[in-house]
Amino acid sequence: MAGEYRLETERLTLLALDREQLADCLEGPEALAERLGLAMCDDLVSEAAREAIEVKLQRMALRPPEEYPWHTYWLMIARDAQVGIGLAGFKGTPSSQGIAEVGYGTCEPYRNRGYMTEAVRALISWAFQQPRCKTIFADTDVTNLASQRVLEKSGLHRFGRAGGMYLWRLDRDEHERARPA
């Protein structure tokens, strides 16, 4: 699958990791760096991402390869430096109602520079090109202002709260109306 699912933005290449590449993330960023021939930031895989990767690998083992982009992480590669700077992706294929949940994380040195918004926008556009996806969903800790800004700039709107989390969504028709002609 390497290279099959790739998105280009102004400053980023997003690469959907195959099962072997995703498993490399559990060994550390140096294992993925060696496989891809790229530098990786040291804090690429947080503890939360590590736990998610284990779940993603289990799900990918049960799914056909064409569904992998919904289950894997997409590596964010800063093109100018040719370095992996973050992970973003979906938490599975869209539900029976067409809802796909997005999640993400950026390495500390690359935060607050617009990279994550750029990546999330690209993933949303890709998702809405897939017939099954009708809504993008996300949740953020009520104290995570940076993540909330990413979602707002990506077109999602807050629609509720569950415990200490804000709930966000963007419907395909809203996305289509907001895109320039």
Protein backbone atom coordinates (compact mmCIF):
# COMPACT_ATOMS: atom_id res chain seq x y z
CA MET A 1 0.00 0.00 0.00
CA ALA A 2 2.96 2.34 0.48
CA GLY A 3 2.42 5.38 -1.70
CA GLU A 4 -1.06 4.35 -2.83
CA TYR A 5 -2.84 6.69 -0.45
CA ARG A 6 -1.04 10.01 -0.50
CA LEU A 7 -2.43 13.54 -0.21
CA GLU A 8 -0.53 16.71 -1.04
CA THR A 9 -1.21 20.10 0.55
CA GLU A 10 0.65 23.37 0.31
CA ARG A 11 3.33 22.29 2.83
CA LEU A 12 2.59 18.65 3.62
CA THR A 13 2.51 15.20 2.17
CA LEU A 14 0.08 12.93 4.00
CA LEU A 15 0.93 9.26 3.65
CA ALA A 16 -1.53 6.59 4.79
CA LEU A 17 0.68 4.08 6.61
CA ASP A 18 0.35 0.42 5.69
CA ARG A 19 0.24 -2.24 8.41
CA GLU A 20 4.02 -2.73 8.50
CA GLN A 21 4.69 1.00 8.64
CA LEU A 22 2.09 1.45 11.35
CA ALA A 23 3.61 -1.41 13.36
CA ASP A 24 7.00 0.31 13.04
CA CYS A 25 5.53 3.23 15.00
CA LEU A 26 5.25 0.95 18.04
CA GLU A 27 9.00 0.31 17.91
CA GLY A 28 9.69 4.05 17.81
CA PRO A 29 10.06 6.78 15.23
CA GLU A 30 13.49 5.53 14.20
CA ALA A 31 12.01 2.24 12.89
CA LEU A 32 9.54 4.14 10.70
CA ALA A 33 12.27 6.58 9.66
CA GLU A 34 14.46 3.71 8.50
CA ARG A 35 11.64 2.05 6.54
CA LEU A 36 10.58 5.26 4.78
CA GLY A 37 14.00 6.87 4.45
CA LEU A 38 12.79 10.03 6.20
CA ALA A 39 13.63 11.79 9.42
CA MET A 40 10.96 11.67 12.17
CA CYS A 41 10.55 13.93 15.16
CA ASP A 42 11.28 12.19 18.44
CA ASP A 43 7.80 12.69 19.92
CA LEU A 44 5.92 11.43 16.85
CA VAL A 45 4.14 8.64 18.77
CA SER A 46 2.50 9.75 22.02
CA GLU A 47 1.24 7.25 24.57
CA ALA A 48 -2.33 7.86 23.37
CA ALA A 49 -1.22 7.28 19.76
CA ARG A 50 0.57 4.08 20.80
CA GLU A 51 -2.66 2.72 22.30
CA ALA A 52 -4.62 3.76 19.21
CA ILE A 53 -2.07 2.09 16.93
CA GLU A 54 -2.56 -1.25 18.67
CA VAL A 55 -6.33 -0.99 18.09
CA LYS A 56 -5.80 0.16 14.50
CA LEU A 57 -3.54 -2.81 13.74
CA GLN A 58 -6.14 -5.24 15.11
CA ARG A 59 -8.86 -3.65 12.99
CA MET A 60 -6.69 -3.57 9.86
CA ALA A 61 -6.02 -7.30 10.25
CA LEU A 62 -9.77 -7.86 9.85
CA ARG A 63 -10.39 -5.42 6.99
CA PRO A 64 -9.68 -5.45 3.24
CA PRO A 65 -6.74 -3.24 2.19
CA GLU A 66 -9.02 -0.69 0.49
CA GLU A 67 -10.39 0.20 3.95
CA TYR A 68 -6.94 0.73 5.51
CA PRO A 69 -6.97 4.53 5.00
CA TRP A 70 -9.94 4.70 7.40
CA HIS A 71 -8.17 2.63 10.05
CA THR A 72 -4.53 3.71 9.88
CA TYR A 73 -2.71 6.89 10.72
CA TRP A 74 -1.68 9.23 7.95
CA LEU A 75 1.89 10.41 8.50
CA MET A 76 2.26 14.18 8.14
CA ILE A 77 5.50 14.92 6.30
CA ALA A 78 6.74 18.52 6.18
CA ARG A 79 7.96 18.71 2.61
CA ASP A 80 10.51 21.49 3.13
CA ALA A 81 12.41 19.52 5.79
CA GLN A 82 11.38 16.00 4.69
CA VAL A 83 10.52 15.08 8.27
CA GLY A 84 7.54 13.26 9.79
CA ILE A 85 5.88 15.79 12.11
CA GLY A 86 2.59 14.23 13.19
CA LEU A 87 -0.11 11.62 12.81
CA ALA A 88 -3.73 12.16 11.83
CA GLY A 89 -6.50 9.85 10.75
CA PHE A 90 -9.90 8.37 11.27
CA LYS A 91 -11.05 5.98 13.95
CA GLY A 92 -12.53 3.53 11.45
CA THR A 93 -14.76 3.37 8.42
CA PRO A 94 -17.86 5.58 8.47
CA SER A 95 -20.71 4.26 10.60
CA SER A 96 -24.00 3.09 9.11
CA GLN A 97 -25.11 6.76 9.39
CA GLY A 98 -22.02 7.85 7.41
CA ILE A 99 -20.16 9.34 10.38
CA ALA A 100 -16.34 9.18 10.49
CA GLU A 101 -14.38 10.34 13.54
CA VAL A 102 -11.09 12.17 13.09
CA GLY A 103 -8.15 12.33 15.52
CA TYR A 104 -4.65 13.79 15.35
CA GLY A 105 -1.45 14.82 17.07
CA THR A 106 1.55 16.95 16.13
CA CYS A 107 5.10 16.87 17.40
CA GLU A 108 5.87 19.70 19.84
CA PRO A 109 8.27 21.69 17.60
CA TYR A 110 5.63 21.83 14.82
CA ARG A 111 2.64 22.96 16.87
CA ASN A 112 0.93 26.33 16.41
CA ARG A 113 2.17 26.65 12.83
CA GLY A 114 -1.00 25.60 10.96
CA TYR A 115 0.23 22.16 9.93
CA MET A 116 -2.54 20.26 11.72
CA THR A 117 -5.29 22.43 10.26
CA GLU A 118 -3.80 21.85 6.82
CA ALA A 119 -3.74 18.09 7.42
CA VAL A 120 -7.26 17.88 8.88
CA ARG A 121 -8.68 19.89 5.99
CA ALA A 122 -7.04 17.53 3.49
CA LEU A 123 -8.35 14.46 5.31
CA ILE A 124 -11.86 15.92 5.45
CA SER A 125 -11.79 16.64 1.71
CA TRP A 126 -10.57 13.09 1.03
CA ALA A 127 -13.25 11.61 3.31
CA PHE A 128 -16.07 13.51 1.65
CA GLN A 129 -14.93 12.19 -1.73
CA GLN A 130 -15.73 8.69 -0.42
CA PRO A 131 -19.44 7.92 -0.95
CA ARG A 132 -19.95 6.37 2.51
CA CYS A 133 -18.86 9.47 4.46
CA LYS A 134 -21.55 12.02 5.17
CA THR A 135 -20.34 13.58 8.47
CA ILE A 136 -17.00 14.19 10.17
CA PHE A 137 -17.09 13.96 13.98
CA ALA A 138 -14.47 14.88 16.58
CA ASP A 139 -14.24 15.45 20.29
CA THR A 140 -11.79 17.61 22.23
CA ASP A 141 -11.02 18.11 25.87
CA VAL A 142 -12.70 21.35 26.98
CA THR A 143 -9.26 22.68 27.98
CA ASN A 144 -7.53 21.85 24.66
CA LEU A 145 -7.85 25.22 22.95
CA ALA A 146 -5.31 24.43 20.22
CA SER A 147 -7.28 21.37 19.09
CA GLN A 148 -10.50 23.34 19.20
CA ARG A 149 -8.93 25.99 16.92
CA VAL A 150 -7.88 23.27 14.46
CA LEU A 151 -11.45 21.98 14.26
CA GLU A 152 -12.96 25.46 13.92
CA LYS A 153 -10.51 26.40 11.14
CA SER A 154 -11.30 23.08 9.45
CA GLY A 155 -15.00 23.94 9.30
CA LEU A 156 -16.36 21.84 12.16
CA HIS A 157 -18.78 23.36 14.64
CA ARG A 158 -19.29 22.50 18.28
CA PHE A 159 -22.69 20.94 18.90
CA GLY A 160 -22.52 19.55 22.41
CA ARG A 161 -20.61 18.46 25.43
CA ALA A 162 -20.16 15.06 27.04
CA GLY A 163 -18.41 15.25 30.39
CA GLY A 164 -15.13 17.06 29.89
CA MET A 165 -15.28 16.82 26.09
CA TYR A 166 -16.72 19.14 23.47
CA LEU A 167 -18.38 17.43 20.50
CA TRP A 168 -17.79 18.68 16.95
CA ARG A 169 -19.21 17.89 13.51
CA LEU A 170 -19.17 18.85 9.87
CA ASP A 171 -21.69 17.54 7.35
CA ARG A 172 -20.76 16.99 3.72
CA ASP A 173 -23.31 19.50 2.44
CA GLU A 174 -21.90 22.22 4.76
CA HIS A 175 -18.41 21.40 3.50
CA GLU A 176 -19.53 21.62 -0.12
CA ARG A 177 -21.25 24.98 0.43
CA ALA A 178 -18.17 26.42 2.14
CA ARG A 179 -15.76 25.41 -0.65
CA PRO A 180 -14.91 28.08 -3.21
CA ALA A 181 -16.46 27.52 -6.64
